[in-house]
């Protein structure tokens, strides 16, 4: 079955950095045929999109995430990454990766994501 497994979360102080990873397995098609995205959900808040990347590496970011977040992928390893720098307490959330079949490239931000990981917790203290 499809598995998306996030890792790399943890507790850090404000100003620190983290690199989140998401290992994919069992996808019905080649990993490079999928848009991949990072989302996050803070307590008592709605889930929000963070960053997105097409199979060939075209990246898009939510407007509020530009500058401190960098999404990347390694198609040979079926792995997605999110580098987060200058962490702020308001970045505290559960971070999820997700996949959407879309082998056409372009902007992955508006895709319907139907495969989800279980999430990894990021806690930023001031």
PDB file of N, CA and C in Angstrom:
ATOM      1  N   UNK A   1       0.829  -1.184   0.000  1.00  0.00           N
ATOM      2  CA  UNK A   1       0.000   0.000   0.000  1.00  0.00           C
ATOM      3  C   UNK A   1       0.872   1.245   0.000  1.00  0.00           C
ATOM      4  N   UNK A   2       0.258   2.385  -0.281  1.00  0.00           N
ATOM      5  CA  UNK A   2       1.002   3.633  -0.322  1.00  0.00           C
ATOM      6  C   UNK A   2       1.406   4.040   1.093  1.00  0.00           C
ATOM      7  N   UNK A   3       2.668   4.391   1.229  1.00  0.00           N
ATOM      8  CA  UNK A   3       3.163   4.910   2.506  1.00  0.00           C
ATOM      9  C   UNK A   3       3.972   6.169   2.249  1.00  0.00           C
ATOM     10  N   UNK A   4       3.640   7.200   2.974  1.00  0.00           N
ATOM     11  CA  UNK A   4       4.441   8.412   3.025  1.00  0.00           C
ATOM     12  C   UNK A   4       4.855   8.589   4.479  1.00  0.00           C
ATOM     13  N   UNK A   5       6.143   8.542   4.727  1.00  0.00           N
ATOM     14  CA  UNK A   5       6.634   8.548   6.098  1.00  0.00           C
ATOM     15  C   UNK A   5       7.524   9.767   6.315  1.00  0.00           C
ATOM     16  N   UNK A   6       7.022  10.688   7.136  1.00  0.00           N
ATOM     17  CA  UNK A   6       7.782  11.890   7.443  1.00  0.00           C
ATOM     18  C   UNK A   6       8.747  11.645   8.602  1.00  0.00           C
ATOM     19  N   UNK A   7       9.822  12.389   8.599  1.00  0.00           N
ATOM     20  CA  UNK A   7      10.781  12.351   9.701  1.00  0.00           C
ATOM     21  C   UNK A   7      11.506  13.685   9.762  1.00  0.00           C
ATOM     22  N   UNK A   8      12.245  13.892  10.843  1.00  0.00           N
ATOM     23  CA  UNK A   8      13.065  15.091  10.964  1.00  0.00           C
ATOM     24  C   UNK A   8      12.491  16.176  11.845  1.00  0.00           C
ATOM     25  N   UNK A   9      11.265  15.984  12.323  1.00  0.00           N
ATOM     26  CA  UNK A   9      10.703  16.978  13.223  1.00  0.00           C
ATOM     27  C   UNK A   9      11.380  16.938  14.576  1.00  0.00           C
ATOM     28  N   UNK A  10      11.032  17.886  15.414  1.00  0.00           N
ATOM     29  CA  UNK A  10      11.601  17.923  16.748  1.00  0.00           C
ATOM     30  C   UNK A  10      11.340  19.250  17.415  1.00  0.00           C
ATOM     31  N   UNK A  11      12.002  19.439  18.542  1.00  0.00           N
ATOM     32  CA  UNK A  11      11.881  20.676  19.303  1.00  0.00           C
ATOM     33  C   UNK A  11      13.144  21.499  19.104  1.00  0.00           C
ATOM     34  N   UNK A  12      12.972  22.733  18.685  1.00  0.00           N
ATOM     35  CA  UNK A  12      14.106  23.611  18.434  1.00  0.00           C
ATOM     36  C   UNK A  12      13.807  24.993  19.001  1.00  0.00           C
ATOM     37  N   UNK A  13      14.844  25.763  19.195  1.00  0.00           N
ATOM     38  CA  UNK A  13      14.665  27.145  19.635  1.00  0.00           C
ATOM     39  C   UNK A  13      14.456  28.046  18.424  1.00  0.00           C
ATOM     40  N   UNK A  14      13.812  29.137  18.662  1.00  0.00           N
ATOM     41  CA  UNK A  14      13.594  30.122  17.606  1.00  0.00           C
ATOM     42  C   UNK A  14      14.935  30.510  16.981  1.00  0.00           C
ATOM     43  N   UNK A  15      14.918  30.612  15.671  1.00  0.00           N
ATOM     44  CA  UNK A  15      16.132  30.925  14.932  1.00  0.00           C
ATOM     45  C   UNK A  15      16.853  29.701  14.393  1.00  0.00           C
ATOM     46  N   UNK A  16      16.465  28.546  14.888  1.00  0.00           N
ATOM     47  CA  UNK A  16      17.092  27.313  14.448  1.00  0.00           C
ATOM     48  C   UNK A  16      16.568  26.838  13.106  1.00  0.00           C
ATOM     49  N   UNK A  17      17.077  25.686  12.686  1.00  0.00           N
ATOM     50  CA  UNK A  17      16.708  25.113  11.395  1.00  0.00           C
ATOM     51  C   UNK A  17      16.369  23.637  11.551  1.00  0.00           C
ATOM     52  N   UNK A  18      15.568  23.161  10.642  1.00  0.00           N
ATOM     53  CA  UNK A  18      15.245  21.740  10.571  1.00  0.00           C
ATOM     54  C   UNK A  18      15.161  21.322   9.113  1.00  0.00           C
ATOM     55  N   UNK A  19      15.445  20.056   8.876  1.00  0.00           N
ATOM     56  CA  UNK A  19      15.234  19.489   7.545  1.00  0.00           C
ATOM     57  C   UNK A  19      14.286  18.310   7.695  1.00  0.00           C
ATOM     58  N   UNK A  20      13.108  18.441   7.158  1.00  0.00           N
ATOM     59  CA  UNK A  20      12.123  17.378   7.187  1.00  0.00           C
ATOM     60  C   UNK A  20      12.284  16.510   5.948  1.00  0.00           C
ATOM     61  N   UNK A  21      12.017  15.229   6.117  1.00  0.00           N
ATOM     62  CA  UNK A  21      12.069  14.279   5.015  1.00  0.00           C
ATOM     63  C   UNK A  21      10.763  13.520   4.916  1.00  0.00           C
ATOM     64  N   UNK A  22      10.470  13.031   3.732  1.00  0.00           N
ATOM     65  CA  UNK A  22       9.268  12.230   3.499  1.00  0.00           C
ATOM     66  C   UNK A  22       9.627  11.134   2.510  1.00  0.00           C
ATOM     67  N   UNK A  23       9.656   9.907   2.990  1.00  0.00           N
ATOM     68  CA  UNK A  23       9.989   8.762   2.153  1.00  0.00           C
ATOM     69  C   UNK A  23       8.700   8.130   1.632  1.00  0.00           C
ATOM     70  N   UNK A  24       8.623   7.959   0.327  1.00  0.00           N
ATOM     71  CA  UNK A  24       7.426   7.419  -0.310  1.00  0.00           C
ATOM     72  C   UNK A  24       7.672   5.992  -0.791  1.00  0.00           C
ATOM     73  N   UNK A  25       6.650   5.172  -0.643  1.00  0.00           N
ATOM     74  CA  UNK A  25       6.702   3.813  -1.168  1.00  0.00           C
ATOM     75  C   UNK A  25       5.296   3.380  -1.542  1.00  0.00           C
ATOM     76  N   UNK A  26       5.213   2.423  -2.479  1.00  0.00           N
ATOM     77  CA  UNK A  26       3.931   1.839  -2.841  1.00  0.00           C
ATOM     78  C   UNK A  26       3.054   2.694  -3.736  1.00  0.00           C
ATOM     79  N   UNK A  27       3.564   3.818  -4.237  1.00  0.00           N
ATOM     80  CA  UNK A  27       2.732   4.641  -5.126  1.00  0.00           C
ATOM     81  C   UNK A  27       2.430   3.862  -6.404  1.00  0.00           C
ATOM     82  N   UNK A  28       1.221   4.007  -6.938  1.00  0.00           N
ATOM     83  CA  UNK A  28       0.821   3.224  -8.107  1.00  0.00           C
ATOM     84  C   UNK A  28       1.644   3.512  -9.365  1.00  0.00           C
ATOM     85  N   UNK A  29       2.233   4.700  -9.432  1.00  0.00           N
ATOM     86  CA  UNK A  29       3.018   5.073 -10.595  1.00  0.00           C
ATOM     87  C   UNK A  29       4.391   5.522 -10.146  1.00  0.00           C
ATOM     88  N   UNK A  30       5.251   5.823 -11.094  1.00  0.00           N
ATOM     89  CA  UNK A  30       6.595   6.283 -10.749  1.00  0.00           C
ATOM     90  C   UNK A  30       6.528   7.547  -9.901  1.00  0.00           C
ATOM     91  N   UNK A  31       7.398   7.621  -8.910  1.00  0.00           N
ATOM     92  CA  UNK A  31       7.435   8.750  -7.983  1.00  0.00           C
ATOM     93  C   UNK A  31       7.542  10.074  -8.722  1.00  0.00           C
ATOM     94  N   UNK A  32       8.243  10.081  -9.823  1.00  0.00           N
ATOM     95  CA  UNK A  32       8.428  11.325 -10.571  1.00  0.00           C
ATOM     96  C   UNK A  32       7.158  11.783 -11.268  1.00  0.00           C
ATOM     97  N   UNK A  33       6.110  10.961 -11.274  1.00  0.00           N
ATOM     98  CA  UNK A  33       4.833  11.343 -11.858  1.00  0.00           C
ATOM     99  C   UNK A  33       3.910  12.039 -10.863  1.00  0.00           C
ATOM    100  N   UNK A  34       4.438  12.315  -9.691  1.00  0.00           N
ATOM    101  CA  UNK A  34       3.598  12.885  -8.638  1.00  0.00           C
ATOM    102  C   UNK A  34       4.054  14.281  -8.261  1.00  0.00           C
ATOM    103  N   UNK A  35       3.064  15.186  -8.165  1.00  0.00           N
ATOM    104  CA  UNK A  35       3.281  16.405  -7.410  1.00  0.00           C
ATOM    105  C   UNK A  35       3.428  16.006  -5.953  1.00  0.00           C
ATOM    106  N   UNK A  36       4.339  16.672  -5.257  1.00  0.00           N
ATOM    107  CA  UNK A  36       4.506  16.448  -3.830  1.00  0.00           C
ATOM    108  C   UNK A  36       4.343  17.783  -3.112  1.00  0.00           C
ATOM    109  N   UNK A  37       3.768  17.705  -1.942  1.00  0.00           N
ATOM    110  CA  UNK A  37       3.546  18.933  -1.192  1.00  0.00           C
ATOM    111  C   UNK A  37       3.787  18.751   0.291  1.00  0.00           C
ATOM    112  N   UNK A  38       4.130  19.856   0.937  1.00  0.00           N
ATOM    113  CA  UNK A  38       4.206  19.922   2.387  1.00  0.00           C
ATOM    114  C   UNK A  38       3.061  20.801   2.886  1.00  0.00           C
ATOM    115  N   UNK A  39       2.394  20.307   3.888  1.00  0.00           N
ATOM    116  CA  UNK A  39       1.325  21.029   4.556  1.00  0.00           C
ATOM    117  C   UNK A  39       1.631  21.055   6.044  1.00  0.00           C
ATOM    118  N   UNK A  40       0.955  21.951   6.752  1.00  0.00           N
ATOM    119  CA  UNK A  40       1.122  21.947   8.200  1.00  0.00           C
ATOM    120  C   UNK A  40      -0.205  22.312   8.869  1.00  0.00           C
ATOM    121  N   UNK A  41      -0.341  21.855  10.095  1.00  0.00           N
ATOM    122  CA  UNK A  41      -1.540  22.169  10.868  1.00  0.00           C
ATOM    123  C   UNK A  41      -1.133  22.435  12.303  1.00  0.00           C
ATOM    124  N   UNK A  42      -1.411  23.645  12.756  1.00  0.00           N
ATOM    125  CA  UNK A  42      -1.156  24.032  14.136  1.00  0.00           C
ATOM    126  C   UNK A  42      -2.398  23.743  14.972  1.00  0.00           C
ATOM    127  N   UNK A  43      -2.242  23.620  16.277  1.00  0.00           N
ATOM    128  CA  UNK A  43      -3.393  23.372  17.142  1.00  0.00           C
ATOM    129  C   UNK A  43      -4.473  24.426  16.943  1.00  0.00           C
ATOM    130  N   UNK A  44      -5.692  23.975  16.794  1.00  0.00           N
ATOM    131  CA  UNK A  44      -6.857  24.853  16.655  1.00  0.00           C
ATOM    132  C   UNK A  44      -6.823  25.704  15.396  1.00  0.00           C
ATOM    133  N   UNK A  45      -6.051  25.293  14.415  1.00  0.00           N
ATOM    134  CA  UNK A  45      -6.008  26.011  13.145  1.00  0.00           C
ATOM    135  C   UNK A  45      -6.255  25.039  12.001  1.00  0.00           C
ATOM    136  N   UNK A  46      -6.663  25.579  10.859  1.00  0.00           N
ATOM    137  CA  UNK A  46      -6.870  24.748   9.689  1.00  0.00           C
ATOM    138  C   UNK A  46      -5.533  24.363   9.065  1.00  0.00           C
ATOM    139  N   UNK A  47      -5.549  23.254   8.368  1.00  0.00           N
ATOM    140  CA  UNK A  47      -4.352  22.849   7.644  1.00  0.00           C
ATOM    141  C   UNK A  47      -4.060  23.853   6.539  1.00  0.00           C
ATOM    142  N   UNK A  48      -2.780  24.140   6.344  1.00  0.00           N
ATOM    143  CA  UNK A  48      -2.398  25.077   5.301  1.00  0.00           C
ATOM    144  C   UNK A  48      -1.258  24.505   4.459  1.00  0.00           C
ATOM    145  N   UNK A  49      -1.250  24.867   3.205  1.00  0.00           N
ATOM    146  CA  UNK A  49      -0.171  24.450   2.330  1.00  0.00           C
ATOM    147  C   UNK A  49       1.079  25.249   2.589  1.00  0.00           C
ATOM    148  N   UNK A  50       2.209  24.600   2.483  1.00  0.00           N
ATOM    149  CA  UNK A  50       3.494  25.251   2.728  1.00  0.00           C
ATOM    150  C   UNK A  50       4.287  25.384   1.433  1.00  0.00           C
ATOM    151  N   UNK A  51       4.532  24.261   0.778  1.00  0.00           N
ATOM    152  CA  UNK A  51       5.379  24.265  -0.413  1.00  0.00           C
ATOM    153  C   UNK A  51       5.044  23.067  -1.271  1.00  0.00           C
ATOM    154  N   UNK A  52       5.309  23.215  -2.586  1.00  0.00           N
ATOM    155  CA  UNK A  52       4.915  22.184  -3.541  1.00  0.00           C
ATOM    156  C   UNK A  52       6.001  22.041  -4.597  1.00  0.00           C
ATOM    157  N   UNK A  53       6.091  20.822  -5.151  1.00  0.00           N
ATOM    158  CA  UNK A  53       7.128  20.592  -6.154  1.00  0.00           C
ATOM    159  C   UNK A  53       6.624  19.575  -7.169  1.00  0.00           C
ATOM    160  N   UNK A  54       6.861  19.866  -8.446  1.00  0.00           N
ATOM    161  CA  UNK A  54       6.464  18.939  -9.496  1.00  0.00           C
ATOM    162  C   UNK A  54       7.510  17.839  -9.649  1.00  0.00           C
ATOM    163  N   UNK A  55       7.185  16.860 -10.478  1.00  0.00           N
ATOM    164  CA  UNK A  55       8.106  15.757 -10.696  1.00  0.00           C
ATOM    165  C   UNK A  55       9.441  16.157 -11.279  1.00  0.00           C
ATOM    166  N   UNK A  56       9.448  17.265 -12.007  1.00  0.00           N
ATOM    167  CA  UNK A  56      10.699  17.725 -12.610  1.00  0.00           C
ATOM    168  C   UNK A  56      11.313  18.876 -11.814  1.00  0.00           C
ATOM    169  N   UNK A  57      10.738  19.165 -10.644  1.00  0.00           N
ATOM    170  CA  UNK A  57      11.383  20.110  -9.740  1.00  0.00           C
ATOM    171  C   UNK A  57      10.882  21.531  -9.753  1.00  0.00           C
ATOM    172  N   UNK A  58       9.754  21.797 -10.418  1.00  0.00           N
ATOM    173  CA  UNK A  58       9.184  23.143 -10.368  1.00  0.00           C
ATOM    174  C   UNK A  58       8.576  23.364  -8.979  1.00  0.00           C
ATOM    175  N   UNK A  59       8.999  24.433  -8.318  1.00  0.00           N
ATOM    176  CA  UNK A  59       8.559  24.667  -6.946  1.00  0.00           C
ATOM    177  C   UNK A  59       7.623  25.864  -6.849  1.00  0.00           C
ATOM    178  N   UNK A  60       6.682  25.773  -5.942  1.00  0.00           N
ATOM    179  CA  UNK A  60       5.823  26.897  -5.595  1.00  0.00           C
ATOM    180  C   UNK A  60       5.653  26.904  -4.087  1.00  0.00           C
ATOM    181  N   UNK A  61       5.427  28.093  -3.554  1.00  0.00           N
ATOM    182  CA  UNK A  61       5.304  28.260  -2.115  1.00  0.00           C
ATOM    183  C   UNK A  61       4.081  29.100  -1.793  1.00  0.00           C
ATOM    184  N   UNK A  62       3.492  28.799  -0.641  1.00  0.00           N
ATOM    185  CA  UNK A  62       2.478  29.703  -0.128  1.00  0.00           C
ATOM    186  C   UNK A  62       3.152  31.056   0.104  1.00  0.00           C
ATOM    187  N   UNK A  63       2.403  32.120  -0.120  1.00  0.00           N
ATOM    188  CA  UNK A  63       2.998  33.456  -0.053  1.00  0.00           C
ATOM    189  C   UNK A  63       3.702  33.716   1.278  1.00  0.00           C
ATOM    190  N   UNK A  64       3.094  33.266   2.353  1.00  0.00           N
ATOM    191  CA  UNK A  64       3.663  33.538   3.677  1.00  0.00           C
ATOM    192  C   UNK A  64       4.871  32.666   3.989  1.00  0.00           C
ATOM    193  N   UNK A  65       5.157  31.677   3.129  1.00  0.00           N
ATOM    194  CA  UNK A  65       6.249  30.741   3.393  1.00  0.00           C
ATOM    195  C   UNK A  65       7.490  31.048   2.576  1.00  0.00           C
ATOM    196  N   UNK A  66       7.404  32.016   1.694  1.00  0.00           N
ATOM    197  CA  UNK A  66       8.541  32.303   0.825  1.00  0.00           C
ATOM    198  C   UNK A  66       9.704  32.860   1.637  1.00  0.00           C
ATOM    199  N   UNK A  67      10.887  32.360   1.351  1.00  0.00           N
ATOM    200  CA  UNK A  67      12.093  32.901   1.960  1.00  0.00           C
ATOM    201  C   UNK A  67      12.736  31.983   2.979  1.00  0.00           C
ATOM    202  N   UNK A  68      11.945  31.395   3.855  1.00  0.00           N
ATOM    203  CA  UNK A  68      12.522  30.556   4.914  1.00  0.00           C
ATOM    204  C   UNK A  68      12.366  29.066   4.643  1.00  0.00           C
ATOM    205  N   UNK A  69      11.520  28.706   3.695  1.00  0.00           N
ATOM    206  CA  UNK A  69      11.228  27.314   3.405  1.00  0.00           C
ATOM    207  C   UNK A  69      11.776  26.961   2.024  1.00  0.00           C
ATOM    208  N   UNK A  70      12.398  25.786   1.926  1.00  0.00           N
ATOM    209  CA  UNK A  70      12.889  25.297   0.644  1.00  0.00           C
ATOM    210  C   UNK A  70      12.485  23.846   0.475  1.00  0.00           C
ATOM    211  N   UNK A  71      11.709  23.585  -0.567  1.00  0.00           N
ATOM    212  CA  UNK A  71      11.273  22.221  -0.864  1.00  0.00           C
ATOM    213  C   UNK A  71      12.171  21.644  -1.945  1.00  0.00           C
ATOM    214  N   UNK A  72      12.465  20.362  -1.825  1.00  0.00           N
ATOM    215  CA  UNK A  72      13.266  19.680  -2.840  1.00  0.00           C
ATOM    216  C   UNK A  72      12.878  18.208  -2.845  1.00  0.00           C
ATOM    217  N   UNK A  73      13.320  17.506  -3.843  1.00  0.00           N
ATOM    218  CA  UNK A  73      13.018  16.078  -3.935  1.00  0.00           C
ATOM    219  C   UNK A  73      14.172  15.359  -4.599  1.00  0.00           C
ATOM    220  N   UNK A  74      14.301  14.077  -4.269  1.00  0.00           N
ATOM    221  CA  UNK A  74      15.267  13.188  -4.894  1.00  0.00           C
ATOM    222  C   UNK A  74      14.475  12.031  -5.476  1.00  0.00           C
ATOM    223  N   UNK A  75      14.231  12.072  -6.766  1.00  0.00           N
ATOM    224  CA  UNK A  75      13.396  11.052  -7.393  1.00  0.00           C
ATOM    225  C   UNK A  75      14.057   9.672  -7.358  1.00  0.00           C
ATOM    226  N   UNK A  76      15.366   9.623  -7.341  1.00  0.00           N
ATOM    227  CA  UNK A  76      16.052   8.333  -7.262  1.00  0.00           C
ATOM    228  C   UNK A  76      15.827   7.660  -5.914  1.00  0.00           C
ATOM    229  N   UNK A  77      15.581   8.471  -4.883  1.00  0.00           N
ATOM    230  CA  UNK A  77      15.366   7.936  -3.539  1.00  0.00           C
ATOM    231  C   UNK A  77      13.910   7.986  -3.113  1.00  0.00           C
ATOM    232  N   UNK A  78      13.037   8.440  -3.997  1.00  0.00           N
ATOM    233  CA  UNK A  78      11.603   8.578  -3.663  1.00  0.00           C
ATOM    234  C   UNK A  78      11.412   9.378  -2.371  1.00  0.00           C
ATOM    235  N   UNK A  79      12.164  10.446  -2.256  1.00  0.00           N
ATOM    236  CA  UNK A  79      12.161  11.199  -1.007  1.00  0.00           C
ATOM    237  C   UNK A  79      11.966  12.687  -1.274  1.00  0.00           C
ATOM    238  N   UNK A  80      11.167  13.272  -0.425  1.00  0.00           N
ATOM    239  CA  UNK A  80      10.847  14.695  -0.457  1.00  0.00           C
ATOM    240  C   UNK A  80      11.481  15.351   0.763  1.00  0.00           C
ATOM    241  N   UNK A  81      11.902  16.599   0.603  1.00  0.00           N
ATOM    242  CA  UNK A  81      12.543  17.324   1.707  1.00  0.00           C
ATOM    243  C   UNK A  81      11.906  18.699   1.895  1.00  0.00           C
ATOM    244  N   UNK A  82      12.014  19.196   3.115  1.00  0.00           N
ATOM    245  CA  UNK A  82      11.656  20.582   3.404  1.00  0.00           C
ATOM    246  C   UNK A  82      12.701  21.145   4.357  1.00  0.00           C
ATOM    247  N   UNK A  83      13.454  22.100   3.884  1.00  0.00           N
ATOM    248  CA  UNK A  83      14.420  22.799   4.720  1.00  0.00           C
ATOM    249  C   UNK A  83      13.747  24.046   5.271  1.00  0.00           C
ATOM    250  N   UNK A  84      13.770  24.184   6.569  1.00  0.00           N
ATOM    251  CA  UNK A  84      13.152  25.342   7.209  1.00  0.00           C
ATOM    252  C   UNK A  84      14.205  26.055   8.040  1.00  0.00           C
ATOM    253  N   UNK A  85      14.421  27.313   7.744  1.00  0.00           N
ATOM    254  CA  UNK A  85      15.418  28.113   8.444  1.00  0.00           C
ATOM    255  C   UNK A  85      14.739  29.220   9.250  1.00  0.00           C
ATOM    256  N   UNK A  86      15.503  29.792  10.170  1.00  0.00           N
ATOM    257  CA  UNK A  86      15.007  30.912  10.985  1.00  0.00           C
ATOM    258  C   UNK A  86      13.636  30.595  11.570  1.00  0.00           C
ATOM    259  N   UNK A  87      13.532  29.454  12.201  1.00  0.00           N
ATOM    260  CA  UNK A  87      12.251  29.001  12.732  1.00  0.00           C
ATOM    261  C   UNK A  87      11.695  29.977  13.755  1.00  0.00           C
ATOM    262  N   UNK A  88      10.379  30.117  13.729  1.00  0.00           N
ATOM    263  CA  UNK A  88       9.658  31.003  14.640  1.00  0.00           C
ATOM    264  C   UNK A  88       8.669  30.183  15.457  1.00  0.00           C
ATOM    265  N   UNK A  89       8.301  30.650  16.636  1.00  0.00           N
ATOM    266  CA  UNK A  89       7.291  29.906  17.419  1.00  0.00           C
ATOM    267  C   UNK A  89       6.007  29.644  16.633  1.00  0.00           C
ATOM    268  N   UNK A  90       5.629  30.544  15.754  1.00  0.00           N
ATOM    269  CA  UNK A  90       4.403  30.332  14.980  1.00  0.00           C
ATOM    270  C   UNK A  90       4.548  29.242  13.910  1.00  0.00           C
ATOM    271  N   UNK A  91       5.746  28.716  13.725  1.00  0.00           N
ATOM    272  CA  UNK A  91       5.934  27.569  12.838  1.00  0.00           C
ATOM    273  C   UNK A  91       5.599  26.250  13.539  1.00  0.00           C
ATOM    274  N   UNK A  92       5.321  26.307  14.824  1.00  0.00           N
ATOM    275  CA  UNK A  92       4.954  25.108  15.568  1.00  0.00           C
ATOM    276  C   UNK A  92       3.698  24.499  14.972  1.00  0.00           C
ATOM    277  N   UNK A  93       3.808  23.238  14.567  1.00  0.00           N
ATOM    278  CA  UNK A  93       2.701  22.556  13.889  1.00  0.00           C
ATOM    279  C   UNK A  93       3.110  21.115  13.615  1.00  0.00           C
ATOM    280  N   UNK A  94       2.127  20.340  13.209  1.00  0.00           N
ATOM    281  CA  UNK A  94       2.413  19.043  12.621  1.00  0.00           C
ATOM    282  C   UNK A  94       2.561  19.234  11.125  1.00  0.00           C
ATOM    283  N   UNK A  95       3.659  18.740  10.590  1.00  0.00           N
ATOM    284  CA  UNK A  95       3.953  18.893   9.167  1.00  0.00           C
ATOM    285  C   UNK A  95       3.674  17.576   8.445  1.00  0.00           C
ATOM    286  N   UNK A  96       2.934  17.666   7.365  1.00  0.00           N
ATOM    287  CA  UNK A  96       2.536  16.502   6.594  1.00  0.00           C
ATOM    288  C   UNK A  96       3.067  16.607   5.164  1.00  0.00           C
ATOM    289  N   UNK A  97       3.447  15.474   4.603  1.00  0.00           N
ATOM    290  CA  UNK A  97       3.706  15.453   3.175  1.00  0.00           C
ATOM    291  C   UNK A  97       2.545  14.757   2.482  1.00  0.00           C
ATOM    292  N   UNK A  98       2.359  15.075   1.222  1.00  0.00           N
ATOM    293  CA  UNK A  98       1.250  14.527   0.461  1.00  0.00           C
ATOM    294  C   UNK A  98       1.649  14.387  -0.998  1.00  0.00           C
ATOM    295  N   UNK A  99       0.952  13.483  -1.699  1.00  0.00           N
ATOM    296  CA  UNK A  99       1.242  13.204  -3.099  1.00  0.00           C
ATOM    297  C   UNK A  99      -0.018  13.312  -3.932  1.00  0.00           C
ATOM    298  N   UNK A 100       0.166  13.787  -5.164  1.00  0.00           N
ATOM    299  CA  UNK A 100      -0.927  13.898  -6.124  1.00  0.00           C
ATOM    300  C   UNK A 100      -0.403  13.495  -7.492  1.00  0.00           C
ATOM    301  N   UNK A 101      -1.062  12.516  -8.109  1.00  0.00           N
ATOM    302  CA  UNK A 101      -0.615  12.075  -9.435  1.00  0.00           C
ATOM    303  C   UNK A 101      -0.801  13.200 -10.439  1.00  0.00           C
ATOM    304  N   UNK A 102       0.285  13.618 -11.047  1.00  0.00           N
ATOM    305  CA  UNK A 102       0.234  14.690 -12.047  1.00  0.00           C
ATOM    306  C   UNK A 102       1.551  14.685 -12.814  1.00  0.00           C
ATOM    307  N   UNK A 103       1.613  13.946 -13.930  1.00  0.00           N
ATOM    308  CA  UNK A 103       2.891  13.801 -14.642  1.00  0.00           C
ATOM    309  C   UNK A 103       3.184  14.919 -15.627  1.00  0.00           C
ATOM    310  N   UNK A 104       2.499  16.061 -15.486  1.00  0.00           N
ATOM    311  CA  UNK A 104       2.570  17.087 -16.521  1.00  0.00           C
ATOM    312  C   UNK A 104       3.400  18.296 -16.134  1.00  0.00           C
ATOM    313  N   UNK A 105       3.932  18.296 -14.920  1.00  0.00           N
ATOM    314  CA  UNK A 105       4.742  19.431 -14.509  1.00  0.00           C
ATOM    315  C   UNK A 105       3.877  20.628 -14.154  1.00  0.00           C
ATOM    316  N   UNK A 106       4.525  21.783 -14.050  1.00  0.00           N
ATOM    317  CA  UNK A 106       3.797  23.005 -13.764  1.00  0.00           C
ATOM    318  C   UNK A 106       3.563  23.216 -12.286  1.00  0.00           C
ATOM    319  N   UNK A 107       2.584  24.047 -11.983  1.00  0.00           N
ATOM    320  CA  UNK A 107       2.284  24.453 -10.610  1.00  0.00           C
ATOM    321  C   UNK A 107       1.498  23.369  -9.885  1.00  0.00           C
ATOM    322  N   UNK A 108       2.069  22.847  -8.828  1.00  0.00           N
ATOM    323  CA  UNK A 108       1.423  21.776  -8.067  1.00  0.00           C
ATOM    324  C   UNK A 108       0.591  22.296  -6.895  1.00  0.00           C
ATOM    325  N   UNK A 109       0.528  23.603  -6.746  1.00  0.00           N
ATOM    326  CA  UNK A 109      -0.124  24.157  -5.559  1.00  0.00           C
ATOM    327  C   UNK A 109      -1.613  23.848  -5.505  1.00  0.00           C
ATOM    328  N   UNK A 110      -2.281  23.783  -6.640  1.00  0.00           N
ATOM    329  CA  UNK A 110      -3.735  23.626  -6.655  1.00  0.00           C
ATOM    330  C   UNK A 110      -4.185  22.194  -6.883  1.00  0.00           C
ATOM    331  N   UNK A 111      -3.264  21.273  -6.888  1.00  0.00           N
ATOM    332  CA  UNK A 111      -3.626  19.889  -7.110  1.00  0.00           C
ATOM    333  C   UNK A 111      -4.425  19.320  -5.937  1.00  0.00           C
ATOM    334  N   UNK A 112      -5.233  18.295  -6.213  1.00  0.00           N
ATOM    335  CA  UNK A 112      -5.932  17.542  -5.179  1.00  0.00           C
ATOM    336  C   UNK A 112      -4.974  16.477  -4.669  1.00  0.00           C
ATOM    337  N   UNK A 113      -4.620  16.551  -3.391  1.00  0.00           N
ATOM    338  CA  UNK A 113      -3.663  15.603  -2.817  1.00  0.00           C
ATOM    339  C   UNK A 113      -4.429  14.467  -2.150  1.00  0.00           C
ATOM    340  N   UNK A 114      -4.176  13.251  -2.589  1.00  0.00           N
ATOM    341  CA  UNK A 114      -4.965  12.138  -2.082  1.00  0.00           C
ATOM    342  C   UNK A 114      -4.157  11.076  -1.349  1.00  0.00           C
ATOM    343  N   UNK A 115      -2.858  11.256  -1.247  1.00  0.00           N
ATOM    344  CA  UNK A 115      -2.033  10.366  -0.415  1.00  0.00           C
ATOM    345  C   UNK A 115      -1.336  11.247   0.622  1.00  0.00           C
ATOM    346  N   UNK A 116      -1.436  10.824   1.882  1.00  0.00           N
ATOM    347  CA  UNK A 116      -0.929  11.639   2.986  1.00  0.00           C
ATOM    348  C   UNK A 116      -0.077  10.814   3.945  1.00  0.00           C
ATOM    349  N   UNK A 117       0.920  11.465   4.514  1.00  0.00           N
ATOM    350  CA  UNK A 117       1.681  10.849   5.576  1.00  0.00           C
ATOM    351  C   UNK A 117       1.020  11.060   6.920  1.00  0.00           C
ATOM    352  N   UNK A 118       1.645  10.522   7.957  1.00  0.00           N
ATOM    353  CA  UNK A 118       1.071  10.605   9.302  1.00  0.00           C
ATOM    354  C   UNK A 118       1.496  11.872  10.030  1.00  0.00           C
ATOM    355  N   UNK A 119       2.476  12.566   9.503  1.00  0.00           N
ATOM    356  CA  UNK A 119       2.895  13.831  10.081  1.00  0.00           C
ATOM    357  C   UNK A 119       4.098  13.716  11.001  1.00  0.00           C
ATOM    358  N   UNK A 120       4.816  14.827  11.109  1.00  0.00           N
ATOM    359  CA  UNK A 120       5.931  14.931  12.043  1.00  0.00           C
ATOM    360  C   UNK A 120       5.796  16.264  12.773  1.00  0.00           C
ATOM    361  N   UNK A 121       5.986  16.218  14.081  1.00  0.00           N
ATOM    362  CA  UNK A 121       5.749  17.404  14.900  1.00  0.00           C
ATOM    363  C   UNK A 121       6.967  18.308  14.921  1.00  0.00           C
ATOM    364  N   UNK A 122       6.732  19.595  14.733  1.00  0.00           N
ATOM    365  CA  UNK A 122       7.773  20.614  14.874  1.00  0.00           C
ATOM    366  C   UNK A 122       7.322  21.571  15.972  1.00  0.00           C
ATOM    367  N   UNK A 123       8.158  21.724  16.974  1.00  0.00           N
ATOM    368  CA  UNK A 123       7.854  22.632  18.078  1.00  0.00           C
ATOM    369  C   UNK A 123       8.994  23.637  18.214  1.00  0.00           C
ATOM    370  N   UNK A 124       8.646  24.902  18.136  1.00  0.00           N
ATOM    371  CA  UNK A 124       9.648  25.971  18.200  1.00  0.00           C
ATOM    372  C   UNK A 124       9.406  26.789  19.456  1.00  0.00           C
ATOM    373  N   UNK A 125      10.412  26.869  20.288  1.00  0.00           N
ATOM    374  CA  UNK A 125      10.296  27.628  21.541  1.00  0.00           C
ATOM    375  C   UNK A 125      11.012  28.974  21.398  1.00  0.00           C
ATOM    376  N   UNK A 126      10.478  29.951  22.113  1.00  0.00           N
ATOM    377  CA  UNK A 126      11.050  31.307  22.027  1.00  0.00           C
ATOM    378  C   UNK A 126      12.161  31.502  23.047  1.00  0.00           C
TER     379      UNK A 126
END
